[in-house]
Structures are given as structure tokens and as C-alpha cells.
Amino acid sequence: MHPRENRLLMSKHMQIISFKNTSLFKRGIWLSAAALVMFVTAPAAVDGSLWRNPTPHLVVLAALIACFIYFFGKTHIHRLVDEVVDCGDHLTIKRANTEENISFAKISAAEVAAAGGITRITIRLHDLTRFGGQIEFLPQASLWSNLPGIERVAAALTERAKQAKNTHGDIG
């Protein structure tokens, strides 16, 4: 088979079901937080007040960092995987340089979660993987304002996991 035909055949069976720019989105959140810290501290460092009386500036900086810790803790940005590809009989999960194939038989359920105003799909697994016991990802951008659409994707993943479990027997 010609490589182009093979690629076309694979593209029919493989579909990215996650937001394609998740890594850029996560990097933007972290860089925005760093820029806000710099924006708050830079004027005090330039005029010298930071060095003469650091206490008020440190209190403001500590409050800002506490807000970031709360925000990042609520939104779980650090847990989002960069890409989820539906390959028919398994999902290929990627985060940075780590990639793992997860069979549908290893999935216990998929559900929609909204933490900190960011809607995501959470895939719960029977066993631990390199990504832990669950996979969290942002759905495709075309679904962001369509909660029923996101719920259909999660329900379809759960149904395929049940079918795979019934086909392959109980894994767990």
C-alpha cells in the first residue's frame, strides 16, 4: 500500500478528540501568572521601595501567589494531557514527551467535569498508568459552548469502554 493511502486510511480511523492547542493553552496560563507577578513587583523594584521596605510588597506578592495556588488547585491545569487520539480500539494519550496507548477495556468511565470554569472530560481507569488513575483533557474547541455535545463524547467513550470490557472480559 502506498504511504499516502496508508496515511489516509489511518486518518479515517484516528481522530483527535481533545483540544489541539492544550499545551499552548497551559503554557499561556502559566506565563500569564508569571507576567502578573512581574507586573506587581516590577514598579517597586524600579523605584527602590521594594528594597527599603519589602514587607508590604511581600504581603501583596504572597496574597497573589496564594490566589494562584488556589486557582491552579481548583482548575487542575497541571493534570491536563496535551492530546487524546481515538484510534478505534484504544486511545493514544500524550503529555509533553510521554505517550501511552490505553485500551478501551482499561477504561472504567468517562465523565464531564467543570472545575474553575474550565470544562474537561475525565477518563477514569481501572489501573494506574504513567498518567495516574485518570486522564483529564479539554474537549475540542468546537464543543466548548456545547455541554450536551461534550456529555455525548464522554458517554460514547464510556459505552465503548463497556463494550470492550464485555468483549475482552473483566480487566481489573
N, C-alpha and C. Protein backbone atom coordinates (compact mmCIF):
# COMPACT_ATOMS: atom_id res chain seq x y z
N MET A 1 0.85 -1.18 0.00
CA MET A 1 0.00 0.00 0.00
C MET A 1 0.89 1.24 0.00
N HIS A 2 0.52 2.19 -0.78
CA HIS A 2 1.25 3.45 -0.89
C HIS A 2 1.18 4.20 0.44
N PRO A 3 2.27 4.88 0.89
CA PRO A 3 2.25 5.60 2.18
C PRO A 3 1.12 6.62 2.29
N ARG A 4 0.79 7.28 1.18
CA ARG A 4 -0.28 8.26 1.23
C ARG A 4 -1.62 7.58 1.49
N GLU A 5 -1.84 6.42 0.85
CA GLU A 5 -3.07 5.67 1.08
C GLU A 5 -3.14 5.17 2.51
N ASN A 6 -2.01 4.72 3.03
CA ASN A 6 -1.95 4.25 4.41
C ASN A 6 -2.29 5.37 5.38
N ARG A 7 -1.73 6.58 5.14
CA ARG A 7 -2.00 7.74 5.98
C ARG A 7 -3.48 8.12 5.92
N LEU A 8 -4.06 8.06 4.73
CA LEU A 8 -5.47 8.37 4.56
C LEU A 8 -6.33 7.35 5.29
N LEU A 9 -5.96 6.07 5.18
CA LEU A 9 -6.70 5.02 5.88
C LEU A 9 -6.62 5.23 7.39
N MET A 10 -5.44 5.56 7.90
CA MET A 10 -5.27 5.79 9.33
C MET A 10 -6.05 7.01 9.78
N SER A 11 -6.10 8.05 8.96
CA SER A 11 -6.81 9.26 9.37
C SER A 11 -8.30 9.02 9.49
N LYS A 12 -8.82 8.04 8.72
CA LYS A 12 -10.24 7.71 8.83
C LYS A 12 -10.53 7.01 10.16
N HIS A 13 -9.55 6.31 10.69
CA HIS A 13 -9.75 5.54 11.92
C HIS A 13 -9.22 6.25 13.16
N MET A 14 -8.48 7.31 12.98
CA MET A 14 -7.91 8.04 14.11
C MET A 14 -8.50 9.45 14.12
N GLN A 15 -8.88 9.88 15.31
CA GLN A 15 -9.46 11.22 15.42
C GLN A 15 -8.99 11.85 16.72
N ILE A 16 -8.49 13.06 16.64
CA ILE A 16 -8.12 13.79 17.85
C ILE A 16 -9.40 14.27 18.50
N ILE A 17 -9.62 13.87 19.76
CA ILE A 17 -10.85 14.26 20.45
C ILE A 17 -10.59 15.33 21.51
N SER A 18 -9.35 15.74 21.63
CA SER A 18 -9.01 16.78 22.60
C SER A 18 -8.75 18.10 21.89
N PHE A 19 -8.68 19.17 22.68
CA PHE A 19 -8.35 20.50 22.16
C PHE A 19 -6.94 20.45 21.60
N LYS A 20 -6.77 20.84 20.36
CA LYS A 20 -5.49 20.70 19.67
C LYS A 20 -4.39 21.61 20.23
N ASN A 21 -4.76 22.67 20.91
CA ASN A 21 -3.77 23.62 21.43
C ASN A 21 -3.68 23.58 22.95
N THR A 22 -3.90 22.41 23.55
CA THR A 22 -3.86 22.32 25.01
C THR A 22 -2.51 22.72 25.58
N SER A 23 -1.43 22.27 24.98
CA SER A 23 -0.11 22.62 25.52
C SER A 23 0.13 24.13 25.46
N LEU A 24 -0.31 24.75 24.38
CA LEU A 24 -0.19 26.20 24.25
C LEU A 24 -1.08 26.91 25.28
N PHE A 25 -2.28 26.39 25.48
CA PHE A 25 -3.21 26.93 26.48
C PHE A 25 -2.59 26.86 27.89
N LYS A 26 -2.04 25.70 28.25
CA LYS A 26 -1.42 25.55 29.57
C LYS A 26 -0.22 26.49 29.73
N ARG A 27 0.60 26.56 28.71
CA ARG A 27 1.78 27.45 28.76
C ARG A 27 1.34 28.91 28.91
N GLY A 28 0.25 29.28 28.22
CA GLY A 28 -0.27 30.64 28.32
C GLY A 28 -0.77 30.97 29.71
N ILE A 29 -1.41 30.01 30.36
CA ILE A 29 -1.88 30.22 31.74
C ILE A 29 -0.70 30.46 32.67
N TRP A 30 0.32 29.60 32.57
CA TRP A 30 1.50 29.74 33.44
C TRP A 30 2.25 31.05 33.16
N LEU A 31 2.40 31.40 31.89
CA LEU A 31 3.10 32.64 31.54
C LEU A 31 2.30 33.87 31.97
N SER A 32 0.98 33.80 31.90
CA SER A 32 0.15 34.91 32.38
C SER A 32 0.32 35.11 33.88
N ALA A 33 0.39 34.01 34.61
CA ALA A 33 0.61 34.11 36.05
C ALA A 33 1.97 34.74 36.35
N ALA A 34 3.00 34.30 35.63
CA ALA A 34 4.34 34.87 35.84
C ALA A 34 4.37 36.35 35.45
N ALA A 35 3.68 36.71 34.37
CA ALA A 35 3.65 38.11 33.94
C ALA A 35 2.93 38.97 34.97
N LEU A 36 1.87 38.45 35.58
CA LEU A 36 1.16 39.21 36.60
C LEU A 36 2.04 39.44 37.83
N VAL A 37 2.80 38.44 38.23
CA VAL A 37 3.75 38.61 39.35
C VAL A 37 4.77 39.68 39.01
N MET A 38 5.30 39.64 37.79
CA MET A 38 6.28 40.65 37.37
C MET A 38 5.65 42.04 37.32
N PHE A 39 4.42 42.12 36.85
CA PHE A 39 3.71 43.39 36.76
C PHE A 39 3.50 43.99 38.15
N VAL A 40 3.25 43.16 39.14
CA VAL A 40 3.01 43.63 40.51
C VAL A 40 4.33 44.04 41.19
N THR A 41 5.39 43.29 40.94
CA THR A 41 6.65 43.54 41.66
C THR A 41 7.59 44.53 40.95
N ALA A 42 7.51 44.64 39.64
CA ALA A 42 8.46 45.46 38.89
C ALA A 42 8.47 46.93 39.31
N PRO A 43 7.31 47.60 39.46
CA PRO A 43 7.37 49.02 39.84
C PRO A 43 8.08 49.25 41.18
N ALA A 44 7.85 48.36 42.13
CA ALA A 44 8.51 48.51 43.44
C ALA A 44 10.01 48.27 43.34
N ALA A 45 10.41 47.38 42.47
CA ALA A 45 11.84 47.11 42.30
C ALA A 45 12.53 48.27 41.59
N VAL A 46 11.82 48.90 40.67
CA VAL A 46 12.42 50.00 39.90
C VAL A 46 12.60 51.25 40.76
N ASP A 47 11.58 51.60 41.54
CA ASP A 47 11.70 52.83 42.34
C ASP A 47 12.45 52.62 43.65
N GLY A 48 12.85 51.40 43.95
CA GLY A 48 13.66 51.11 45.14
C GLY A 48 12.87 50.86 46.40
N SER A 49 11.54 51.03 46.38
CA SER A 49 10.76 50.82 47.60
C SER A 49 10.73 49.36 48.03
N LEU A 50 10.93 48.47 47.10
CA LEU A 50 10.96 47.05 47.44
C LEU A 50 12.13 46.75 48.37
N TRP A 51 13.26 47.43 48.15
CA TRP A 51 14.46 47.15 48.94
C TRP A 51 14.44 47.93 50.25
N ARG A 52 13.82 49.11 50.27
CA ARG A 52 13.77 49.91 51.50
C ARG A 52 12.79 49.33 52.50
N ASN A 53 11.60 48.93 52.03
CA ASN A 53 10.58 48.40 52.92
C ASN A 53 9.87 47.23 52.20
N PRO A 54 10.45 46.03 52.27
CA PRO A 54 9.92 44.92 51.48
C PRO A 54 8.63 44.30 52.03
N THR A 55 8.28 44.55 53.29
CA THR A 55 7.14 43.87 53.92
C THR A 55 5.83 44.07 53.16
N PRO A 56 5.38 45.29 52.84
CA PRO A 56 4.10 45.41 52.14
C PRO A 56 4.10 44.72 50.77
N HIS A 57 5.22 44.79 50.10
CA HIS A 57 5.31 44.17 48.78
C HIS A 57 5.28 42.65 48.89
N LEU A 58 5.93 42.13 49.90
CA LEU A 58 5.93 40.68 50.10
C LEU A 58 4.55 40.17 50.50
N VAL A 59 3.81 40.98 51.27
CA VAL A 59 2.44 40.59 51.64
C VAL A 59 1.56 40.52 50.40
N VAL A 60 1.66 41.53 49.53
CA VAL A 60 0.88 41.53 48.29
C VAL A 60 1.29 40.36 47.40
N LEU A 61 2.58 40.13 47.30
CA LEU A 61 3.08 39.03 46.49
C LEU A 61 2.62 37.68 47.05
N ALA A 62 2.66 37.52 48.37
CA ALA A 62 2.19 36.28 49.00
C ALA A 62 0.70 36.07 48.75
N ALA A 63 -0.10 37.14 48.83
CA ALA A 63 -1.53 37.03 48.56
C ALA A 63 -1.78 36.64 47.11
N LEU A 64 -1.01 37.21 46.19
CA LEU A 64 -1.14 36.89 44.77
C LEU A 64 -0.77 35.43 44.51
N ILE A 65 0.30 34.98 45.11
CA ILE A 65 0.72 33.59 44.94
C ILE A 65 -0.30 32.64 45.56
N ALA A 66 -0.89 33.02 46.69
CA ALA A 66 -1.94 32.20 47.30
C ALA A 66 -3.14 32.09 46.36
N CYS A 67 -3.49 33.18 45.70
CA CYS A 67 -4.59 33.14 44.72
C CYS A 67 -4.25 32.21 43.56
N PHE A 68 -3.01 32.25 43.09
CA PHE A 68 -2.59 31.36 42.01
C PHE A 68 -2.65 29.90 42.45
N ILE A 69 -2.18 29.62 43.65
CA ILE A 69 -2.23 28.24 44.16
C ILE A 69 -3.67 27.76 44.24
N TYR A 70 -4.56 28.63 44.71
CA TYR A 70 -5.97 28.27 44.77
C TYR A 70 -6.53 28.03 43.37
N PHE A 71 -6.25 28.93 42.44
CA PHE A 71 -6.73 28.81 41.06
C PHE A 71 -6.22 27.53 40.41
N PHE A 72 -4.90 27.30 40.49
CA PHE A 72 -4.33 26.12 39.85
C PHE A 72 -4.80 24.84 40.54
N GLY A 73 -5.03 24.92 41.85
CA GLY A 73 -5.56 23.76 42.57
C GLY A 73 -6.99 23.45 42.16
N LYS A 74 -7.79 24.49 41.94
CA LYS A 74 -9.20 24.29 41.54
C LYS A 74 -9.33 23.84 40.09
N THR A 75 -8.53 24.38 39.20
CA THR A 75 -8.67 24.09 37.78
C THR A 75 -7.91 22.85 37.34
N HIS A 76 -6.94 22.40 38.11
CA HIS A 76 -6.14 21.21 37.78
C HIS A 76 -5.47 21.34 36.41
N ILE A 77 -5.03 22.53 36.08
CA ILE A 77 -4.37 22.76 34.79
C ILE A 77 -3.19 21.80 34.60
N HIS A 78 -2.46 21.55 35.66
CA HIS A 78 -1.27 20.70 35.58
C HIS A 78 -1.61 19.25 35.25
N ARG A 79 -2.86 18.82 35.43
CA ARG A 79 -3.25 17.43 35.17
C ARG A 79 -3.73 17.19 33.74
N LEU A 80 -3.96 18.26 32.99
CA LEU A 80 -4.46 18.10 31.63
C LEU A 80 -3.41 17.46 30.73
N VAL A 81 -3.83 16.47 29.95
CA VAL A 81 -2.93 15.90 28.96
C VAL A 81 -3.00 16.78 27.71
N ASP A 82 -1.97 16.71 26.90
CA ASP A 82 -1.89 17.58 25.73
C ASP A 82 -2.73 17.10 24.56
N GLU A 83 -2.86 15.78 24.41
CA GLU A 83 -3.58 15.27 23.25
C GLU A 83 -4.18 13.91 23.56
N VAL A 84 -5.40 13.71 23.10
CA VAL A 84 -6.06 12.41 23.17
C VAL A 84 -6.53 12.07 21.77
N VAL A 85 -6.03 10.94 21.26
CA VAL A 85 -6.37 10.49 19.91
C VAL A 85 -7.17 9.20 20.03
N ASP A 86 -8.34 9.18 19.43
CA ASP A 86 -9.18 7.98 19.38
C ASP A 86 -8.70 7.16 18.19
N CYS A 87 -8.12 6.00 18.49
CA CYS A 87 -7.55 5.13 17.44
C CYS A 87 -8.44 3.93 17.15
N GLY A 88 -9.70 4.01 17.52
CA GLY A 88 -10.62 2.91 17.24
C GLY A 88 -10.73 1.96 18.41
N ASP A 89 -9.69 1.15 18.64
CA ASP A 89 -9.72 0.18 19.73
C ASP A 89 -8.98 0.65 20.98
N HIS A 90 -8.33 1.78 20.90
CA HIS A 90 -7.61 2.34 22.05
C HIS A 90 -7.50 3.86 21.91
N LEU A 91 -7.10 4.50 22.98
CA LEU A 91 -6.80 5.92 22.97
C LEU A 91 -5.30 6.09 23.09
N THR A 92 -4.74 7.02 22.33
CA THR A 92 -3.34 7.38 22.50
C THR A 92 -3.32 8.70 23.25
N ILE A 93 -2.66 8.69 24.40
CA ILE A 93 -2.60 9.84 25.29
C ILE A 93 -1.19 10.41 25.25
N LYS A 94 -1.09 11.75 25.10
CA LYS A 94 0.22 12.40 25.05
C LYS A 94 0.25 13.57 26.02
N ARG A 95 1.34 13.68 26.77
CA ARG A 95 1.64 14.86 27.57
C ARG A 95 3.14 15.09 27.48
N ALA A 96 3.50 16.22 26.93
CA ALA A 96 4.92 16.55 26.69
C ALA A 96 5.56 15.41 25.90
N ASN A 97 6.59 14.76 26.46
CA ASN A 97 7.30 13.69 25.75
C ASN A 97 6.80 12.31 26.14
N THR A 98 5.74 12.23 26.92
CA THR A 98 5.21 10.95 27.37
C THR A 98 3.99 10.60 26.53
N GLU A 99 3.98 9.37 26.04
CA GLU A 99 2.86 8.89 25.23
C GLU A 99 2.51 7.48 25.69
N GLU A 100 1.22 7.19 25.75
CA GLU A 100 0.78 5.86 26.16
C GLU A 100 -0.52 5.51 25.44
N ASN A 101 -0.61 4.25 25.03
CA ASN A 101 -1.83 3.72 24.43
C ASN A 101 -2.65 3.07 25.54
N ILE A 102 -3.92 3.42 25.61
CA ILE A 102 -4.80 2.88 26.64
C ILE A 102 -5.98 2.21 25.96
N SER A 103 -6.09 0.91 26.17
CA SER A 103 -7.18 0.13 25.60
C SER A 103 -8.50 0.56 26.23
N PHE A 104 -9.58 0.51 25.45
CA PHE A 104 -10.90 0.85 25.98
C PHE A 104 -11.29 -0.09 27.12
N ALA A 105 -10.77 -1.33 27.11
CA ALA A 105 -11.08 -2.28 28.17
C ALA A 105 -10.51 -1.84 29.52
N LYS A 106 -9.52 -0.95 29.52
CA LYS A 106 -8.91 -0.46 30.77
C LYS A 106 -9.62 0.78 31.31
N ILE A 107 -10.62 1.27 30.58
CA ILE A 107 -11.36 2.47 31.00
C ILE A 107 -12.59 2.04 31.78
N SER A 108 -12.77 2.63 32.97
CA SER A 108 -13.97 2.32 33.73
C SER A 108 -15.11 3.26 33.39
N ALA A 109 -14.82 4.54 33.15
CA ALA A 109 -15.86 5.51 32.80
C ALA A 109 -15.23 6.80 32.32
N ALA A 110 -16.03 7.56 31.59
CA ALA A 110 -15.64 8.91 31.18
C ALA A 110 -16.77 9.83 31.60
N GLU A 111 -16.40 10.98 32.14
CA GLU A 111 -17.42 11.92 32.62
C GLU A 111 -16.97 13.34 32.37
N VAL A 112 -17.92 14.23 32.41
CA VAL A 112 -17.65 15.66 32.21
C VAL A 112 -17.47 16.30 33.58
N ALA A 113 -16.44 17.09 33.71
CA ALA A 113 -16.19 17.83 34.95
C ALA A 113 -15.92 19.28 34.61
N ALA A 114 -16.42 20.17 35.45
CA ALA A 114 -16.16 21.60 35.27
C ALA A 114 -15.52 22.10 36.55
N ALA A 115 -14.24 22.33 36.51
CA ALA A 115 -13.51 22.82 37.67
C ALA A 115 -12.97 24.20 37.36
N GLY A 116 -13.32 25.17 38.18
CA GLY A 116 -12.83 26.52 37.99
C GLY A 116 -13.29 27.14 36.68
N GLY A 117 -14.45 26.72 36.18
CA GLY A 117 -14.98 27.28 34.95
C GLY A 117 -14.39 26.68 33.69
N ILE A 118 -13.54 25.67 33.82
CA ILE A 118 -12.95 25.02 32.66
C ILE A 118 -13.55 23.62 32.55
N THR A 119 -14.29 23.39 31.49
CA THR A 119 -14.95 22.09 31.29
C THR A 119 -13.97 21.13 30.65
N ARG A 120 -13.92 19.94 31.20
CA ARG A 120 -12.99 18.92 30.73
C ARG A 120 -13.68 17.57 30.74
N ILE A 121 -13.07 16.61 30.09
CA ILE A 121 -13.53 15.23 30.15
C ILE A 121 -12.52 14.47 31.00
N THR A 122 -13.03 13.72 31.97
CA THR A 122 -12.19 12.91 32.84
C THR A 122 -12.44 11.45 32.51
N ILE A 123 -11.38 10.74 32.20
CA ILE A 123 -11.46 9.30 31.93
C ILE A 123 -10.89 8.58 33.13
N ARG A 124 -11.71 7.80 33.79
CA ARG A 124 -11.27 7.01 34.95
C ARG A 124 -10.81 5.64 34.45
N LEU A 125 -9.70 5.19 35.00
CA LEU A 125 -9.09 3.94 34.56
C LEU A 125 -9.16 2.87 35.65
N HIS A 126 -9.16 1.60 35.23
CA HIS A 126 -9.14 0.50 36.18
C HIS A 126 -7.79 0.40 36.88
N ASP A 127 -6.71 0.64 36.13
CA ASP A 127 -5.35 0.50 36.65
C ASP A 127 -4.58 1.81 36.47
N LEU A 128 -3.52 1.95 37.25
CA LEU A 128 -2.67 3.13 37.11
C LEU A 128 -1.85 3.05 35.83
N THR A 129 -1.63 4.21 35.23
CA THR A 129 -0.78 4.33 34.06
C THR A 129 0.30 5.37 34.39
N ARG A 130 1.07 5.73 33.41
CA ARG A 130 2.06 6.80 33.61
C ARG A 130 1.39 8.13 33.95
N PHE A 131 0.11 8.26 33.58
CA PHE A 131 -0.65 9.48 33.84
C PHE A 131 -1.48 9.37 35.11
N GLY A 132 -1.39 8.29 35.83
CA GLY A 132 -2.16 8.10 37.05
C GLY A 132 -3.40 7.25 36.79
N GLY A 133 -4.37 7.36 37.67
CA GLY A 133 -5.59 6.57 37.58
C GLY A 133 -6.70 7.24 36.79
N GLN A 134 -6.44 8.44 36.33
CA GLN A 134 -7.42 9.13 35.50
C GLN A 134 -6.71 10.05 34.52
N ILE A 135 -7.38 10.29 33.41
CA ILE A 135 -6.87 11.16 32.36
C ILE A 135 -7.84 12.33 32.24
N GLU A 136 -7.33 13.55 32.26
CA GLU A 136 -8.18 14.73 32.09
C GLU A 136 -7.72 15.48 30.84
N PHE A 137 -8.70 15.87 30.02
CA PHE A 137 -8.35 16.62 28.82
C PHE A 137 -9.47 17.59 28.47
N LEU A 138 -9.08 18.64 27.75
CA LEU A 138 -10.04 19.62 27.25
C LEU A 138 -10.65 19.07 25.97
N PRO A 139 -11.97 19.16 25.83
CA PRO A 139 -12.58 18.70 24.57
C PRO A 139 -12.24 19.66 23.44
N GLN A 140 -12.56 19.24 22.22
CA GLN A 140 -12.30 20.09 21.06
C GLN A 140 -12.97 21.45 21.25
N ALA A 141 -12.34 22.48 20.74
CA ALA A 141 -12.84 23.85 20.91
C ALA A 141 -14.24 24.02 20.35
N SER A 142 -14.60 23.28 19.33
CA SER A 142 -15.93 23.41 18.73
C SER A 142 -17.03 23.00 19.71
N LEU A 143 -16.66 22.28 20.78
CA LEU A 143 -17.65 21.82 21.77
C LEU A 143 -17.68 22.67 23.04
N TRP A 144 -16.80 23.65 23.18
CA TRP A 144 -16.68 24.37 24.43
C TRP A 144 -17.98 25.00 24.90
N SER A 145 -18.79 25.49 24.00
CA SER A 145 -20.05 26.12 24.41
C SER A 145 -21.23 25.15 24.25
N ASN A 146 -20.93 23.88 24.07
CA ASN A 146 -21.95 22.87 23.83
C ASN A 146 -21.83 21.75 24.86
N LEU A 147 -22.32 21.99 26.08
CA LEU A 147 -22.22 21.00 27.14
C LEU A 147 -22.86 19.66 26.75
N PRO A 148 -24.05 19.65 26.12
CA PRO A 148 -24.60 18.35 25.70
C PRO A 148 -23.68 17.60 24.72
N GLY A 149 -22.99 18.33 23.87
CA GLY A 149 -22.04 17.70 22.94
C GLY A 149 -20.88 17.06 23.68
N ILE A 150 -20.35 17.76 24.68
CA ILE A 150 -19.25 17.22 25.49
C ILE A 150 -19.74 15.98 26.25
N GLU A 151 -20.95 16.05 26.78
CA GLU A 151 -21.52 14.91 27.50
C GLU A 151 -21.71 13.71 26.57
N ARG A 152 -22.06 13.95 25.29
CA ARG A 152 -22.20 12.85 24.33
C ARG A 152 -20.85 12.18 24.07
N VAL A 153 -19.79 12.99 23.97
CA VAL A 153 -18.45 12.42 23.77
C VAL A 153 -18.08 11.53 24.95
N ALA A 154 -18.29 12.02 26.17
CA ALA A 154 -17.98 11.24 27.37
C ALA A 154 -18.83 9.97 27.43
N ALA A 155 -20.11 10.09 27.12
CA ALA A 155 -21.00 8.92 27.15
C ALA A 155 -20.57 7.88 26.10
N ALA A 156 -20.16 8.35 24.93
CA ALA A 156 -19.71 7.43 23.88
C ALA A 156 -18.43 6.71 24.31
N LEU A 157 -17.51 7.41 24.96
CA LEU A 157 -16.29 6.77 25.46
C LEU A 157 -16.64 5.72 26.52
N THR A 158 -17.56 6.04 27.42
CA THR A 158 -17.98 5.09 28.46
C THR A 158 -18.63 3.87 27.83
N GLU A 159 -19.48 4.08 26.85
CA GLU A 159 -20.16 2.96 26.18
C GLU A 159 -19.16 2.06 25.46
N ARG A 160 -18.20 2.65 24.78
CA ARG A 160 -17.16 1.85 24.10
C ARG A 160 -16.31 1.10 25.09
N ALA A 161 -16.07 1.70 26.27
CA ALA A 161 -15.31 1.00 27.32
C ALA A 161 -16.10 -0.20 27.83
N LYS A 162 -17.40 -0.03 28.02
CA LYS A 162 -18.24 -1.16 28.47
C LYS A 162 -18.25 -2.27 27.43
N GLN A 163 -18.37 -1.91 26.16
CA GLN A 163 -18.36 -2.91 25.10
C GLN A 163 -17.03 -3.65 25.05
N ALA A 164 -15.93 -2.90 25.19
CA ALA A 164 -14.61 -3.52 25.17
C ALA A 164 -14.42 -4.44 26.38
N LYS A 165 -14.92 -4.03 27.51
CA LYS A 165 -14.81 -4.85 28.72
C LYS A 165 -15.61 -6.13 28.54
N ASN A 166 -16.81 -6.04 27.97
CA ASN A 166 -17.63 -7.23 27.72
C ASN A 166 -16.99 -8.14 26.68
N THR A 167 -16.35 -7.57 25.68
CA THR A 167 -15.70 -8.33 24.63
C THR A 167 -14.44 -9.04 25.12
N HIS A 168 -13.64 -8.32 25.90
CA HIS A 168 -12.35 -8.85 26.36
C HIS A 168 -12.42 -9.47 27.74
N GLY A 169 -13.55 -9.46 28.37
CA GLY A 169 -13.65 -9.99 29.73
C GLY A 169 -13.28 -8.92 30.72
N ASP A 170 -13.45 -9.22 31.98
CA ASP A 170 -13.19 -8.25 33.05
C ASP A 170 -11.70 -8.03 33.21
N ILE A 171 -11.28 -6.77 33.02
CA ILE A 171 -9.88 -6.40 33.24
C ILE A 171 -9.85 -5.52 34.46
N GLY A 172 -9.07 -5.85 35.43
CA GLY A 172 -9.02 -5.01 36.62
C GLY A 172 -8.58 -5.69 37.78
